[in-house]
Protein backbone atom coordinates (compact mmCIF):
# COMPACT_ATOMS: atom_id res chain seq x y z
CA MET A 1 20.72 -7.91 114.69
CA PRO A 2 17.55 -6.11 115.67
CA THR A 3 14.50 -8.04 116.53
CA GLY A 4 11.00 -6.93 117.18
CA THR A 5 8.50 -8.64 119.42
CA ASN A 6 4.77 -8.26 118.93
CA ASP A 7 2.08 -9.43 121.32
CA VAL A 8 -1.08 -9.47 119.28
CA THR A 9 -4.60 -9.09 120.65
CA GLY A 10 -8.04 -9.68 119.23
CA SER A 11 -9.85 -7.11 117.18
CA GLY A 12 -12.26 -6.29 120.02
CA ARG A 13 -11.42 -4.98 123.47
CA ALA A 14 -12.86 -6.28 126.67
CA GLY A 15 -12.28 -3.87 129.20
CA THR A 16 -14.23 -0.93 130.50
CA THR A 17 -16.75 -1.24 133.25
CA ALA A 18 -19.10 1.63 134.11
CA ARG A 19 -19.28 2.97 137.64
CA THR A 20 -22.75 3.95 138.79
CA GLY A 21 -23.76 5.75 141.97
CA ALA A 22 -27.21 5.55 143.63
CA HIS A 23 -28.37 7.75 146.51
CA VAL A 24 -31.34 6.16 148.28
CA ARG A 25 -33.46 8.33 150.56
CA ALA A 26 -34.80 6.79 153.79
CA ARG A 27 -38.43 7.35 152.83
CA GLN A 28 -38.04 5.45 149.54
CA ARG A 29 -38.15 1.65 149.19
CA PRO A 30 -34.64 0.47 149.97
CA ASP A 31 -35.36 -3.23 149.42
CA THR A 32 -36.42 -2.63 145.82
CA PHE A 33 -33.36 -0.52 145.10
CA ALA A 34 -31.09 -3.05 146.77
CA VAL A 35 -32.43 -5.94 144.71
CA GLY A 36 -32.22 -3.82 141.57
CA GLY A 37 -28.62 -2.94 142.38
CA VAL A 38 -27.69 -6.60 142.79
CA ILE A 39 -29.30 -7.47 139.45
CA LEU A 40 -27.49 -4.57 137.78
CA VAL A 41 -24.13 -5.71 139.17
CA LEU A 42 -24.76 -9.29 138.02
CA LEU A 43 -25.73 -8.11 134.55
CA LEU A 44 -22.60 -5.96 134.28
CA ALA A 45 -20.45 -8.87 135.45
CA SER A 46 -22.07 -11.19 132.90
CA VAL A 47 -21.48 -8.72 130.08
CA TYR A 48 -17.82 -8.29 131.11
CA VAL A 49 -17.19 -12.06 131.27
CA TRP A 50 -18.92 -12.62 127.92
CA ALA A 51 -16.90 -9.83 126.31
CA SER A 52 -13.71 -11.32 127.71
CA VAL A 53 -14.54 -14.66 126.10
CA LEU A 54 -15.28 -13.04 122.75
CA ALA A 55 -12.17 -10.85 122.73
CA PRO A 56 -9.25 -12.81 124.25
CA ARG A 57 -5.93 -11.07 124.67
CA GLY A 58 -2.39 -12.33 124.22
CA ARG A 59 -3.17 -15.31 121.96
CA VAL A 60 -0.32 -14.88 119.44
CA ALA A 61 3.30 -13.73 119.72
CA ALA A 62 5.75 -13.02 116.91
CA VAL A 63 9.43 -12.16 116.63
CA THR A 64 10.89 -10.52 113.52
CA SER A 65 14.58 -10.73 112.60
CA VAL A 66 16.35 -8.93 109.76
CA GLY A 67 19.47 -10.40 108.17
CA VAL A 68 21.23 -11.81 105.13
CA LYS A 69 21.47 -15.31 103.75
CA GLY A 70 24.40 -17.15 102.21
CA HIS A 71 23.92 -16.08 98.61
CA CYS A 72 25.50 -13.24 96.64
CA GLU A 73 22.30 -11.27 96.02
CA SER A 74 21.92 -10.55 99.73
CA GLY A 75 23.79 -7.91 101.72
CA TRP A 76 23.85 -4.52 103.44
CA VAL A 77 24.18 -0.92 102.28
CA VAL A 78 26.20 1.34 104.60
CA PRO A 79 27.44 4.96 104.38
CA ASP A 80 30.56 5.37 102.25
CA SER A 81 33.53 6.03 104.54
CA GLY A 82 36.30 5.30 102.07
CA ASP A 83 38.19 2.10 101.35
CA ALA A 84 38.99 0.97 104.90
CA PRO A 85 38.08 -2.71 105.46
CA ILE A 86 34.87 -3.42 107.38
CA PRO A 87 34.77 -6.37 109.81
CA MET A 88 32.18 -9.02 108.98
CA ALA A 89 30.66 -9.39 112.42
CA GLY A 90 26.89 -9.27 112.45
CA ARG A 91 25.00 -6.28 111.14
CA PRO A 92 27.31 -3.32 110.42
CA ALA A 93 26.61 0.07 111.98
CA GLU A 94 24.00 2.17 110.12
CA ALA A 95 23.36 -0.72 107.74
CA VAL A 96 20.17 -0.96 105.67
CA LEU A 97 19.08 -4.34 104.34
CA GLY A 98 19.88 -4.61 100.65
CA SER A 99 17.49 -6.04 98.09
CA GLY A 100 17.45 -9.83 98.36
CA GLY A 101 18.01 -9.97 102.14
CA ALA A 102 15.77 -11.85 104.52
CA VAL A 103 13.07 -10.98 107.03
CA THR A 104 12.24 -13.99 109.22
CA ILE A 105 8.94 -14.03 111.08
CA THR A 106 8.63 -16.53 113.92
CA VAL A 107 5.03 -17.01 115.06
CA ARG A 108 3.86 -18.92 118.12
CA GLY A 109 0.45 -19.42 119.65
CA LEU A 110 0.15 -18.76 123.39
CA THR A 111 -2.94 -20.79 124.28
CA GLY A 112 -2.46 -24.22 122.72
CA ASP A 113 -4.92 -23.43 119.93
CA ALA A 114 -3.66 -23.58 116.35
CA VAL A 115 -2.94 -20.20 114.73
CA VAL A 116 -4.01 -19.66 111.13
CA LEU A 117 -2.27 -16.86 109.20
CA GLU A 118 -4.19 -15.38 106.27
CA PRO A 119 -2.57 -13.73 103.20
CA PRO A 120 -0.51 -10.70 104.31
CA VAL A 121 -1.22 -7.14 103.25
CA VAL A 122 1.82 -5.08 102.18
CA GLU A 123 1.91 -1.51 103.54
CA VAL A 124 4.48 0.81 101.93
CA VAL A 125 5.27 3.61 104.41
CA SER A 126 7.71 5.61 102.26
CA ARG A 127 9.62 5.34 99.01
CA ARG A 128 12.71 7.24 97.81
CA PRO A 129 15.57 6.66 95.35
CA ALA A 130 18.00 3.85 96.12
CA LEU A 131 20.35 4.57 99.03
CA PRO A 132 23.89 5.58 98.00
CA GLY A 133 26.90 4.23 99.89
CA VAL A 134 28.73 0.90 99.90
CA PHE A 135 27.16 -2.49 99.23
CA LEU A 136 28.48 -5.26 101.49
CA PRO A 137 27.48 -8.60 99.94
CA SER A 138 26.86 -11.80 101.81
CA PRO A 139 29.44 -14.56 101.22
CA CYS A 140 28.31 -16.71 98.29
CA GLY A 141 27.41 -19.89 100.11
CA GLY A 142 24.51 -21.11 98.00
CA ALA A 143 21.29 -20.35 96.18
CA VAL A 144 18.16 -18.75 97.59
CA PRO A 145 16.41 -21.43 99.75
CA HIS A 146 13.36 -22.94 98.07
CA ASP A 147 10.92 -22.13 100.88
CA VAL A 148 11.63 -18.38 100.94
CA LEU A 149 8.77 -16.10 99.87
CA THR A 150 9.50 -13.05 97.70
CA LEU A 151 8.07 -9.58 98.26
CA ASP A 152 8.48 -7.40 95.15
CA LEU A 153 8.58 -3.86 96.60
CA ASP A 154 8.51 -2.35 93.09
CA ARG A 155 5.01 -3.84 92.72
CA PRO A 156 3.94 -4.51 96.31
CA THR A 157 0.62 -6.18 95.70
CA SER A 158 1.32 -9.64 97.10
CA VAL A 159 3.88 -12.00 98.56
CA LEU A 160 5.06 -14.54 96.00
CA GLY A 161 6.02 -18.17 96.50
CA PRO A 162 9.13 -19.88 95.10
CA ASP A 163 7.33 -20.56 91.81
CA GLY A 164 6.49 -16.89 91.25
CA GLU A 165 2.80 -17.43 91.98
CA PRO A 166 1.04 -15.82 94.98
CA ALA A 167 2.24 -17.47 98.20
CA LYS A 168 0.05 -20.23 99.56
CA PHE A 169 -2.05 -19.08 102.48
CA PRO A 170 -3.56 -19.69 104.97
CA HIS A 171 -0.44 -20.80 106.85
CA ARG A 172 -1.12 -22.91 109.95
CA VAL A 173 0.98 -22.95 113.13
CA SER A 174 0.11 -25.84 115.44
CA GLY A 175 -0.52 -25.26 119.13
CA THR A 176 2.34 -23.59 120.99
CA GLU A 177 4.96 -24.75 118.47
CA SER A 178 6.84 -22.07 116.56
CA GLY A 179 6.26 -21.54 112.84
CA HIS A 180 8.62 -19.64 110.55
CA VAL A 181 7.90 -17.52 107.49
CA VAL A 182 10.91 -16.11 105.60
CA ILE A 183 10.27 -13.09 103.34
CA ARG A 184 12.82 -11.95 100.74
CA PRO A 185 12.07 -8.28 99.92
CA VAL A 186 13.47 -7.05 96.61
CA SER A 187 13.62 -3.71 94.80
CA THR A 188 15.54 -2.71 91.70
CA THR A 189 15.28 1.08 92.02
CA ASP A 190 14.08 2.31 95.43
CA ASP A 191 14.77 2.63 99.14
CA VAL A 192 11.49 1.46 100.68
CA GLU A 193 10.11 1.52 104.23
CA TRP A 194 7.38 -1.07 104.65
CA ARG A 195 5.55 -3.40 106.98
CA LEU A 196 3.29 -6.42 106.68
CA ARG A 197 -0.15 -6.83 108.21
CA ILE A 198 -1.16 -10.48 108.55
CA PRO A 199 -4.73 -11.33 109.64
CA TRP A 200 -4.90 -14.34 111.96
CA THR A 201 -7.44 -16.54 113.71
CA SER A 202 -6.95 -18.81 116.69
CA GLY A 203 -9.78 -20.63 118.42
CA ILE A 204 -12.50 -18.03 118.93
CA GLY A 205 -9.99 -15.14 118.65
CA SER A 206 -8.89 -13.15 115.64
CA GLY A 207 -6.73 -10.14 114.99
CA GLU A 208 -3.92 -8.68 112.93
CA LEU A 209 -0.22 -9.44 113.21
CA VAL A 210 1.92 -6.37 112.38
CA VAL A 211 5.38 -7.33 111.10
CA ASP A 212 7.90 -4.52 111.58
CA ASP A 213 11.36 -3.78 112.99
CA ASP A 214 10.75 -3.37 116.73
CA GLY A 215 7.97 -0.83 116.21
CA LYS A 216 9.60 0.90 113.23
CA PRO A 217 8.95 0.13 109.57
CA LEU A 218 11.18 -2.44 107.93
CA ARG A 219 13.53 -0.95 105.35
CA THR A 220 14.97 -2.41 102.16
CA THR A 221 17.03 -0.59 99.53
CA ALA A 222 18.04 -1.40 95.98
CA THR A 223 21.82 -1.67 95.68
CA SER A 224 22.05 0.14 92.31
CA ALA A 225 23.28 3.43 93.84
CA ALA A 226 25.97 1.85 96.08
CA ARG A 227 29.49 0.89 95.02
CA PRO A 228 30.29 -2.74 95.83
CA PHE A 229 32.83 -4.04 98.30
CA CYS A 230 34.13 -7.60 98.08
CA VAL A 231 34.36 -10.42 100.61
CA GLU A 232 38.02 -10.91 101.53
CA GLU A 233 39.23 -14.37 100.58
CA PRO A 234 39.94 -16.92 101.87
CA SER A 235 39.01 -15.93 105.42
CA SER A 236 35.65 -14.19 104.71
CA ALA A 237 36.28 -12.22 107.91
CA ARG A 238 35.82 -8.72 106.48
CA TRP A 239 34.71 -6.69 103.49
CA VAL A 240 37.39 -4.88 101.49
CA SER A 241 37.45 -2.52 98.52
CA CYS A 242 37.18 -4.50 95.30
CA SER A 243 39.91 -2.30 93.78
CA LYS A 244 42.51 -3.52 96.29
């Protein structure tokens, strides 16, 4: 199961210091130039320290995992290679997350300050017709958990809460404890590449958390163009052709 790790920095950058060179001739006034040089160095050092305080680095870390949950709407779409059974062992090769799967975002502050996540912005990178192939459903172990947020990729304007209303933000993560946000992306017609951009604040720092799949866009496809396989019963150890 692929995971992506993001170290997030502030919106500003503290970092470049200018190098200056001064050539002092013997007949000029070296003491004045020397004092001026010391003052210049102190001023540059003060500016650098102040900028470092205003733009801290490495205040927030996040890990993204892509997977399925124990309900029948969730699953994978894989290339169609015939009716041979497919072992149910983690994420199958070349699998794309089917509509109704889960993207889990684990956020942790790195400084002891609380991290406040603002409402996420949905960025659609590409959109194409639903991916053909074979749909491998998750075993039907229960309903969609109540605390999962829904992202409607057919109308990607906001992340919705369990009641269908816009999800409640800001979301607060205390100190260095981990906080979890589970997103359920859905689409009825398309194969969509997407990512989330979540503004955050922590102490005097602020920035943007980019949620993706280890540097690549996340990808979710409708299952309408894929023929379904079934979970083999009673072992639930592999997927088999439903016609068998």
